[in-house]
Amino acid sequence: MELNIVAPEQELPLERAYVVNMSIKSFKGRKNVEVHLFRGHWDPEELQSYDWTKILGKSLQEMEDGEKDAVRAIMEAFTRRERDHLVQYLQNRYAGRLTVINSAALPFPVPSGVVPLADMPEDENMGRIRLDKVPNYSLDFAVHGFYDLSAHPPILRDEEP
């Protein structure tokens, strides 16, 4: 399994800024399925604790609904500690099933038009994995993953998964 942790190129305006994705060798009849991981829940008090004017240029009260998507995308991100624990968990629990784990910092300012992963629709190709619902889940924060099967080739019958 390959591990790619990219250090931020600039000083981050807050610690909650790290994104993680993984690639599963074989998942639902597809190979090398990329799964974008995100925090499934967060404390509303944490949301209120940040100086959004400093981070995004406007307070929460000044933002319009579409601008608040950037806030939600940030709240879905991980801190460095959470990222490190998540990566360690994935390496220990799923090493044989993963081809790669990637992590980088969000770009700041967060681009407009970003859609929070929790808002991505679910259908026959797109869905969520709720890692925190798996037996013996050991992290102290909820992790969900979004995938799109249509972006990955099917496993052919004569291929090894």
N, C-alpha and C. Protein backbone atom coordinates (compact mmCIF):
# COMPACT_ATOMS: atom_id res chain seq x y z
N MET A 1 0.84 -1.18 0.00
CA MET A 1 0.00 0.00 0.00
C MET A 1 0.89 1.24 0.00
N GLU A 2 0.51 2.18 -0.84
CA GLU A 2 1.25 3.43 -0.96
C GLU A 2 0.64 4.46 0.00
N LEU A 3 1.49 5.31 0.56
CA LEU A 3 1.04 6.36 1.47
C LEU A 3 1.61 7.69 0.99
N ASN A 4 0.73 8.65 0.71
CA ASN A 4 1.14 9.97 0.24
C ASN A 4 0.57 11.04 1.16
N ILE A 5 1.43 11.62 1.97
CA ILE A 5 1.03 12.70 2.87
C ILE A 5 1.74 13.96 2.38
N VAL A 6 0.98 14.90 1.87
CA VAL A 6 1.55 16.13 1.31
C VAL A 6 1.46 17.23 2.37
N ALA A 7 2.60 17.83 2.69
CA ALA A 7 2.64 18.92 3.67
C ALA A 7 2.04 20.18 3.04
N PRO A 8 1.38 21.01 3.85
CA PRO A 8 0.83 22.25 3.31
C PRO A 8 1.94 23.16 2.79
N GLU A 9 1.64 23.88 1.71
CA GLU A 9 2.61 24.78 1.11
C GLU A 9 2.64 26.14 1.79
N GLN A 10 1.61 26.44 2.56
CA GLN A 10 1.52 27.72 3.25
C GLN A 10 1.01 27.48 4.67
N GLU A 11 1.14 28.48 5.51
CA GLU A 11 0.60 28.37 6.86
C GLU A 11 -0.92 28.30 6.76
N LEU A 12 -1.51 27.38 7.49
CA LEU A 12 -2.95 27.18 7.43
C LEU A 12 -3.65 28.12 8.41
N PRO A 13 -4.82 28.63 8.04
CA PRO A 13 -5.53 29.56 8.93
C PRO A 13 -6.19 28.87 10.12
N LEU A 14 -6.28 27.54 10.09
CA LEU A 14 -6.81 26.77 11.21
C LEU A 14 -6.31 25.34 11.09
N GLU A 15 -6.38 24.62 12.18
CA GLU A 15 -5.86 23.24 12.21
C GLU A 15 -6.79 22.26 11.47
N ARG A 16 -8.07 22.56 11.40
CA ARG A 16 -9.03 21.67 10.74
C ARG A 16 -8.97 21.93 9.24
N ALA A 17 -8.00 21.29 8.58
CA ALA A 17 -7.77 21.63 7.18
C ALA A 17 -7.29 20.46 6.33
N TYR A 18 -7.28 19.24 6.87
CA TYR A 18 -6.69 18.12 6.15
C TYR A 18 -7.76 17.20 5.55
N VAL A 19 -7.56 16.85 4.28
CA VAL A 19 -8.45 15.92 3.61
C VAL A 19 -7.70 14.60 3.38
N VAL A 20 -8.48 13.52 3.34
CA VAL A 20 -7.91 12.18 3.18
C VAL A 20 -8.76 11.42 2.17
N ASN A 21 -8.10 10.68 1.29
CA ASN A 21 -8.83 9.73 0.46
C ASN A 21 -8.04 8.43 0.41
N MET A 22 -8.73 7.38 0.03
CA MET A 22 -8.10 6.06 -0.05
C MET A 22 -8.63 5.38 -1.30
N SER A 23 -7.89 4.41 -1.77
CA SER A 23 -8.32 3.62 -2.92
C SER A 23 -8.43 2.17 -2.48
N ILE A 24 -9.63 1.61 -2.67
CA ILE A 24 -9.91 0.22 -2.28
C ILE A 24 -9.67 -0.67 -3.50
N LYS A 25 -8.86 -1.73 -3.32
CA LYS A 25 -8.51 -2.63 -4.43
C LYS A 25 -9.74 -3.17 -5.14
N SER A 26 -10.70 -3.67 -4.38
CA SER A 26 -11.91 -4.28 -4.95
C SER A 26 -13.10 -3.89 -4.09
N PHE A 27 -14.11 -3.24 -4.73
CA PHE A 27 -15.27 -2.77 -3.98
C PHE A 27 -16.48 -2.76 -4.90
N LYS A 28 -17.50 -3.52 -4.55
CA LYS A 28 -18.77 -3.59 -5.29
C LYS A 28 -18.55 -3.86 -6.78
N GLY A 29 -17.67 -4.81 -7.08
CA GLY A 29 -17.45 -5.21 -8.46
C GLY A 29 -16.56 -4.28 -9.26
N ARG A 30 -15.96 -3.31 -8.60
CA ARG A 30 -15.07 -2.35 -9.27
C ARG A 30 -13.69 -2.46 -8.66
N LYS A 31 -12.69 -1.99 -9.42
CA LYS A 31 -11.33 -2.05 -8.89
C LYS A 31 -10.79 -0.65 -8.65
N ASN A 32 -9.94 -0.55 -7.64
CA ASN A 32 -9.29 0.70 -7.25
C ASN A 32 -10.28 1.86 -7.10
N VAL A 33 -11.28 1.64 -6.26
CA VAL A 33 -12.32 2.63 -6.04
C VAL A 33 -11.81 3.70 -5.07
N GLU A 34 -11.82 4.94 -5.53
CA GLU A 34 -11.38 6.07 -4.71
C GLU A 34 -12.52 6.48 -3.78
N VAL A 35 -12.20 6.60 -2.49
CA VAL A 35 -13.17 6.98 -1.48
C VAL A 35 -12.64 8.23 -0.78
N HIS A 36 -13.43 9.30 -0.82
CA HIS A 36 -13.07 10.56 -0.17
C HIS A 36 -13.63 10.54 1.24
N LEU A 37 -12.74 10.58 2.22
CA LEU A 37 -13.14 10.47 3.61
C LEU A 37 -13.45 11.84 4.20
N PHE A 38 -14.41 11.87 5.12
CA PHE A 38 -14.76 13.13 5.77
C PHE A 38 -15.38 12.86 7.14
N ARG A 39 -15.36 13.89 7.98
CA ARG A 39 -15.98 13.77 9.30
C ARG A 39 -17.49 13.72 9.13
N GLY A 40 -18.09 12.71 9.72
CA GLY A 40 -19.53 12.52 9.59
C GLY A 40 -20.34 13.45 10.47
N HIS A 41 -19.76 13.92 11.56
CA HIS A 41 -20.46 14.78 12.52
C HIS A 41 -19.45 15.74 13.13
N TRP A 42 -19.95 16.86 13.61
CA TRP A 42 -19.11 17.78 14.37
C TRP A 42 -19.96 18.51 15.38
N ASP A 43 -19.29 19.04 16.37
CA ASP A 43 -19.93 19.76 17.46
C ASP A 43 -20.28 21.17 16.97
N PRO A 44 -21.54 21.59 17.07
CA PRO A 44 -21.91 22.95 16.65
C PRO A 44 -21.11 24.04 17.38
N GLU A 45 -20.68 23.75 18.60
CA GLU A 45 -19.86 24.72 19.33
C GLU A 45 -18.52 24.94 18.63
N GLU A 46 -17.96 23.89 18.03
CA GLU A 46 -16.71 24.05 17.29
C GLU A 46 -16.91 24.98 16.11
N LEU A 47 -18.02 24.81 15.42
CA LEU A 47 -18.34 25.67 14.27
C LEU A 47 -18.35 27.13 14.69
N GLN A 48 -18.93 27.42 15.84
CA GLN A 48 -19.02 28.80 16.33
C GLN A 48 -17.69 29.32 16.89
N SER A 49 -16.76 28.43 17.17
CA SER A 49 -15.50 28.84 17.82
C SER A 49 -14.49 29.46 16.85
N TYR A 50 -14.69 29.30 15.55
CA TYR A 50 -13.73 29.81 14.58
C TYR A 50 -14.04 31.25 14.17
N ASP A 51 -13.00 31.99 13.84
CA ASP A 51 -13.15 33.35 13.31
C ASP A 51 -13.27 33.24 11.79
N TRP A 52 -14.49 33.05 11.30
CA TRP A 52 -14.73 32.83 9.88
C TRP A 52 -14.35 34.04 9.05
N THR A 53 -14.39 35.22 9.65
CA THR A 53 -13.98 36.42 8.91
C THR A 53 -12.51 36.32 8.54
N LYS A 54 -11.71 35.84 9.47
CA LYS A 54 -10.27 35.67 9.22
C LYS A 54 -10.02 34.52 8.24
N ILE A 55 -10.83 33.47 8.32
CA ILE A 55 -10.61 32.27 7.50
C ILE A 55 -11.16 32.44 6.08
N LEU A 56 -12.39 32.98 5.97
CA LEU A 56 -13.07 33.06 4.67
C LEU A 56 -13.46 34.47 4.25
N GLY A 57 -13.18 35.45 5.10
CA GLY A 57 -13.45 36.83 4.71
C GLY A 57 -14.81 37.36 5.11
N LYS A 58 -15.67 36.50 5.68
CA LYS A 58 -16.99 36.92 6.13
C LYS A 58 -17.36 36.14 7.38
N SER A 59 -18.18 36.76 8.23
CA SER A 59 -18.70 36.02 9.38
C SER A 59 -19.81 35.09 8.90
N LEU A 60 -20.18 34.13 9.74
CA LEU A 60 -21.26 33.21 9.38
C LEU A 60 -22.55 33.98 9.08
N GLN A 61 -22.79 35.04 9.85
CA GLN A 61 -24.01 35.82 9.67
C GLN A 61 -24.03 36.57 8.34
N GLU A 62 -22.86 36.94 7.82
CA GLU A 62 -22.77 37.68 6.56
C GLU A 62 -22.84 36.78 5.33
N MET A 63 -22.59 35.48 5.52
CA MET A 63 -22.53 34.56 4.38
C MET A 63 -23.92 34.20 3.89
N GLU A 64 -24.01 34.05 2.57
CA GLU A 64 -25.23 33.53 1.96
C GLU A 64 -25.14 32.00 1.98
N ASP A 65 -26.26 31.35 1.69
CA ASP A 65 -26.30 29.89 1.79
C ASP A 65 -25.20 29.20 0.99
N GLY A 66 -24.98 29.58 -0.25
CA GLY A 66 -23.95 28.96 -1.09
C GLY A 66 -22.55 29.14 -0.53
N GLU A 67 -22.31 30.27 0.13
CA GLU A 67 -20.99 30.52 0.72
C GLU A 67 -20.75 29.64 1.94
N LYS A 68 -21.82 29.22 2.58
CA LYS A 68 -21.68 28.38 3.78
C LYS A 68 -21.22 26.96 3.42
N ASP A 69 -21.28 26.59 2.14
CA ASP A 69 -20.77 25.28 1.73
C ASP A 69 -19.28 25.16 2.02
N ALA A 70 -18.54 26.26 1.85
CA ALA A 70 -17.10 26.24 2.16
C ALA A 70 -16.88 25.99 3.65
N VAL A 71 -17.73 26.56 4.48
CA VAL A 71 -17.65 26.33 5.93
C VAL A 71 -17.88 24.85 6.23
N ARG A 72 -18.91 24.29 5.61
CA ARG A 72 -19.21 22.88 5.85
C ARG A 72 -18.10 21.97 5.33
N ALA A 73 -17.49 22.33 4.21
CA ALA A 73 -16.36 21.54 3.69
C ALA A 73 -15.19 21.57 4.67
N ILE A 74 -14.95 22.71 5.28
CA ILE A 74 -13.89 22.81 6.29
C ILE A 74 -14.24 21.95 7.51
N MET A 75 -15.50 22.01 7.94
CA MET A 75 -15.90 21.23 9.11
C MET A 75 -15.85 19.72 8.84
N GLU A 76 -15.92 19.32 7.58
CA GLU A 76 -15.78 17.90 7.23
C GLU A 76 -14.32 17.46 7.24
N ALA A 77 -13.39 18.41 7.20
CA ALA A 77 -11.95 18.09 7.16
C ALA A 77 -11.47 17.62 8.53
N PHE A 78 -10.25 17.13 8.55
CA PHE A 78 -9.65 16.59 9.77
C PHE A 78 -8.56 17.52 10.29
N THR A 79 -8.31 17.45 11.59
CA THR A 79 -7.13 18.10 12.14
C THR A 79 -5.93 17.21 11.83
N ARG A 80 -4.75 17.71 12.05
CA ARG A 80 -3.56 16.88 11.82
C ARG A 80 -3.58 15.64 12.72
N ARG A 81 -3.97 15.81 13.98
CA ARG A 81 -4.05 14.67 14.90
C ARG A 81 -5.06 13.64 14.39
N GLU A 82 -6.25 14.11 14.01
CA GLU A 82 -7.27 13.20 13.49
C GLU A 82 -6.79 12.51 12.21
N ARG A 83 -6.17 13.27 11.33
CA ARG A 83 -5.65 12.69 10.10
C ARG A 83 -4.65 11.59 10.40
N ASP A 84 -3.72 11.87 11.30
CA ASP A 84 -2.70 10.88 11.64
C ASP A 84 -3.32 9.63 12.24
N HIS A 85 -4.30 9.80 13.13
CA HIS A 85 -4.98 8.64 13.73
C HIS A 85 -5.78 7.87 12.68
N LEU A 86 -6.42 8.58 11.78
CA LEU A 86 -7.18 7.93 10.72
C LEU A 86 -6.27 7.13 9.80
N VAL A 87 -5.17 7.73 9.39
CA VAL A 87 -4.23 7.03 8.51
C VAL A 87 -3.69 5.78 9.20
N GLN A 88 -3.33 5.90 10.47
CA GLN A 88 -2.84 4.73 11.23
C GLN A 88 -3.91 3.65 11.32
N TYR A 89 -5.13 4.05 11.60
CA TYR A 89 -6.26 3.11 11.66
C TYR A 89 -6.42 2.38 10.33
N LEU A 90 -6.43 3.11 9.24
CA LEU A 90 -6.58 2.50 7.91
C LEU A 90 -5.43 1.55 7.60
N GLN A 91 -4.21 1.95 7.94
CA GLN A 91 -3.05 1.08 7.70
C GLN A 91 -3.16 -0.21 8.51
N ASN A 92 -3.56 -0.10 9.76
CA ASN A 92 -3.65 -1.27 10.63
C ASN A 92 -4.81 -2.18 10.26
N ARG A 93 -5.94 -1.60 9.93
CA ARG A 93 -7.16 -2.38 9.73
C ARG A 93 -7.37 -2.84 8.28
N TYR A 94 -6.97 -2.02 7.31
CA TYR A 94 -7.33 -2.30 5.92
C TYR A 94 -6.13 -2.38 4.97
N ALA A 95 -4.93 -2.50 5.47
CA ALA A 95 -3.73 -2.45 4.63
C ALA A 95 -3.81 -3.40 3.44
N GLY A 96 -4.31 -4.60 3.62
CA GLY A 96 -4.38 -5.57 2.54
C GLY A 96 -5.45 -5.27 1.50
N ARG A 97 -6.37 -4.38 1.83
CA ARG A 97 -7.48 -4.07 0.93
C ARG A 97 -7.32 -2.73 0.21
N LEU A 98 -6.32 -1.94 0.63
CA LEU A 98 -6.13 -0.61 0.05
C LEU A 98 -4.91 -0.56 -0.85
N THR A 99 -4.98 0.24 -1.90
CA THR A 99 -3.80 0.44 -2.75
C THR A 99 -3.07 1.71 -2.37
N VAL A 100 -3.80 2.73 -1.89
CA VAL A 100 -3.16 4.00 -1.56
C VAL A 100 -4.01 4.76 -0.55
N ILE A 101 -3.32 5.54 0.27
CA ILE A 101 -3.95 6.53 1.15
C ILE A 101 -3.26 7.85 0.83
N ASN A 102 -4.07 8.88 0.55
CA ASN A 102 -3.54 10.21 0.23
C ASN A 102 -4.08 11.22 1.23
N SER A 103 -3.27 12.22 1.55
CA SER A 103 -3.73 13.32 2.38
C SER A 103 -3.01 14.60 1.97
N ALA A 104 -3.76 15.69 2.02
CA ALA A 104 -3.21 17.03 1.74
C ALA A 104 -4.06 18.03 2.51
N ALA A 105 -3.62 19.27 2.52
CA ALA A 105 -4.40 20.32 3.16
C ALA A 105 -5.36 20.92 2.14
N LEU A 106 -6.49 21.40 2.64
CA LEU A 106 -7.41 22.15 1.79
C LEU A 106 -6.70 23.39 1.26
N PRO A 107 -7.05 23.84 0.07
CA PRO A 107 -6.49 25.12 -0.40
C PRO A 107 -7.24 26.27 0.27
N PHE A 108 -6.51 27.27 0.71
CA PHE A 108 -7.13 28.46 1.31
C PHE A 108 -6.77 29.66 0.47
N PRO A 109 -7.71 30.52 0.16
CA PRO A 109 -9.11 30.40 0.55
C PRO A 109 -9.77 29.24 -0.17
N VAL A 110 -10.76 28.64 0.50
CA VAL A 110 -11.49 27.52 -0.10
C VAL A 110 -12.23 28.04 -1.32
N PRO A 111 -12.08 27.39 -2.47
CA PRO A 111 -12.72 27.87 -3.70
C PRO A 111 -14.24 27.90 -3.59
N SER A 112 -14.85 28.88 -4.23
CA SER A 112 -16.31 28.92 -4.25
C SER A 112 -16.82 27.76 -5.09
N GLY A 113 -18.00 27.31 -4.79
CA GLY A 113 -18.57 26.19 -5.53
C GLY A 113 -18.24 24.83 -4.97
N VAL A 114 -17.45 24.78 -3.89
CA VAL A 114 -17.13 23.51 -3.25
C VAL A 114 -18.42 22.92 -2.68
N VAL A 115 -18.65 21.64 -2.92
CA VAL A 115 -19.83 20.97 -2.38
C VAL A 115 -19.38 20.07 -1.24
N PRO A 116 -19.96 20.22 -0.05
CA PRO A 116 -19.60 19.32 1.04
C PRO A 116 -19.89 17.87 0.65
N LEU A 117 -19.03 16.97 1.05
CA LEU A 117 -19.19 15.56 0.67
C LEU A 117 -20.49 14.98 1.22
N ALA A 118 -20.93 15.44 2.38
CA ALA A 118 -22.18 14.95 2.95
C ALA A 118 -23.39 15.30 2.08
N ASP A 119 -23.25 16.30 1.22
CA ASP A 119 -24.34 16.72 0.34
C ASP A 119 -24.36 15.99 -1.00
N MET A 120 -23.35 15.18 -1.26
CA MET A 120 -23.31 14.46 -2.53
C MET A 120 -24.45 13.44 -2.55
N PRO A 121 -25.15 13.33 -3.68
CA PRO A 121 -26.29 12.41 -3.74
C PRO A 121 -25.84 10.95 -3.71
N GLU A 122 -26.74 10.09 -3.28
CA GLU A 122 -26.49 8.66 -3.31
C GLU A 122 -27.44 8.03 -4.32
N ASP A 123 -26.91 7.14 -5.15
CA ASP A 123 -27.73 6.41 -6.12
C ASP A 123 -27.05 5.07 -6.39
N GLU A 124 -27.33 4.44 -7.55
CA GLU A 124 -26.75 3.12 -7.83
C GLU A 124 -25.24 3.16 -8.02
N ASN A 125 -24.66 4.33 -8.33
CA ASN A 125 -23.22 4.45 -8.53
C ASN A 125 -22.50 5.20 -7.42
N MET A 126 -23.18 6.16 -6.83
CA MET A 126 -22.55 7.00 -5.80
C MET A 126 -23.12 6.64 -4.44
N GLY A 127 -22.23 6.59 -3.45
CA GLY A 127 -22.70 6.21 -2.13
C GLY A 127 -21.72 6.57 -1.04
N ARG A 128 -22.05 6.13 0.16
CA ARG A 128 -21.25 6.42 1.34
C ARG A 128 -20.87 5.14 2.07
N ILE A 129 -19.70 5.20 2.64
CA ILE A 129 -19.24 4.17 3.57
C ILE A 129 -19.21 4.87 4.93
N ARG A 130 -19.77 4.24 5.93
CA ARG A 130 -19.77 4.81 7.27
C ARG A 130 -18.84 3.95 8.14
N LEU A 131 -17.56 4.34 8.13
CA LEU A 131 -16.55 3.55 8.85
C LEU A 131 -16.89 3.43 10.32
N ASP A 132 -17.48 4.47 10.91
CA ASP A 132 -17.77 4.47 12.33
C ASP A 132 -18.86 3.45 12.70
N LYS A 133 -19.52 2.84 11.73
CA LYS A 133 -20.54 1.81 11.99
C LYS A 133 -19.97 0.40 11.91
N VAL A 134 -18.72 0.28 11.50
CA VAL A 134 -18.06 -1.03 11.38
C VAL A 134 -17.72 -1.54 12.78
N PRO A 135 -17.97 -2.83 13.06
CA PRO A 135 -17.61 -3.36 14.39
C PRO A 135 -16.14 -3.10 14.73
N ASN A 136 -15.88 -2.83 15.97
CA ASN A 136 -14.55 -2.58 16.52
C ASN A 136 -13.90 -1.31 15.97
N TYR A 137 -14.71 -0.36 15.56
CA TYR A 137 -14.20 0.95 15.13
C TYR A 137 -13.56 1.61 16.35
N SER A 138 -12.34 2.10 16.21
CA SER A 138 -11.60 2.56 17.39
C SER A 138 -11.30 4.06 17.44
N LEU A 139 -11.73 4.82 16.45
CA LEU A 139 -11.45 6.26 16.47
C LEU A 139 -12.52 6.98 17.28
N ASP A 140 -12.15 8.14 17.85
CA ASP A 140 -13.10 8.88 18.68
C ASP A 140 -13.85 9.97 17.89
N PHE A 141 -13.87 9.86 16.58
CA PHE A 141 -14.63 10.77 15.71
C PHE A 141 -15.19 9.95 14.55
N ALA A 142 -16.36 10.38 14.07
CA ALA A 142 -17.05 9.64 13.01
C ALA A 142 -16.40 9.93 11.66
N VAL A 143 -16.13 8.87 10.90
CA VAL A 143 -15.56 9.01 9.56
C VAL A 143 -16.49 8.35 8.55
N HIS A 144 -16.84 9.12 7.53
CA HIS A 144 -17.64 8.62 6.42
C HIS A 144 -16.80 8.76 5.15
N GLY A 145 -17.18 8.04 4.12
CA GLY A 145 -16.47 8.12 2.85
C GLY A 145 -17.46 8.20 1.70
N PHE A 146 -17.16 9.01 0.71
CA PHE A 146 -17.99 9.12 -0.48
C PHE A 146 -17.26 8.48 -1.66
N TYR A 147 -17.98 7.68 -2.45
CA TYR A 147 -17.39 7.05 -3.63
C TYR A 147 -18.34 7.18 -4.82
N ASP A 148 -17.76 7.05 -6.01
CA ASP A 148 -18.52 7.06 -7.26
C ASP A 148 -18.03 5.87 -8.10
N LEU A 149 -18.82 4.81 -8.11
CA LEU A 149 -18.42 3.59 -8.83
C LEU A 149 -18.27 3.81 -10.33
N SER A 150 -19.02 4.76 -10.90
CA SER A 150 -18.97 4.97 -12.35
C SER A 150 -17.61 5.50 -12.81
N ALA A 151 -16.80 5.96 -11.89
CA ALA A 151 -15.48 6.48 -12.23
C ALA A 151 -14.40 5.40 -12.25
N HIS A 152 -14.80 4.13 -12.01
CA HIS A 152 -13.81 3.05 -11.87
C HIS A 152 -14.20 1.86 -12.73
N PRO A 153 -13.20 1.21 -13.33
CA PRO A 153 -13.50 0.08 -14.22
C PRO A 153 -13.99 -1.15 -13.43
N PRO A 154 -14.86 -1.94 -14.07
CA PRO A 154 -15.32 -3.16 -13.40
C PRO A 154 -14.19 -4.20 -13.33
N ILE A 155 -14.32 -5.08 -12.38
CA ILE A 155 -13.39 -6.21 -12.27
C ILE A 155 -13.88 -7.26 -13.26
N LEU A 156 -13.01 -7.67 -14.15
CA LEU A 156 -13.37 -8.71 -15.11
C LEU A 156 -13.30 -10.07 -14.43
N ARG A 157 -14.08 -11.03 -14.88
CA ARG A 157 -14.18 -12.33 -14.23
C ARG A 157 -12.84 -13.04 -14.07
N ASP A 158 -11.93 -12.90 -15.04
CA ASP A 158 -10.66 -13.61 -14.97
C ASP A 158 -9.59 -12.84 -14.22
N GLU A 159 -9.93 -11.67 -13.68
CA GLU A 159 -8.96 -10.88 -12.91
C GLU A 159 -9.02 -11.27 -11.44
N GLU A 160 -7.90 -11.15 -10.79
CA GLU A 160 -7.84 -11.32 -9.34
C GLU A 160 -8.22 -9.99 -8.71
N PRO A 161 -9.08 -9.97 -7.69
CA PRO A 161 -9.43 -8.69 -7.05
C PRO A 161 -8.26 -8.09 -6.31
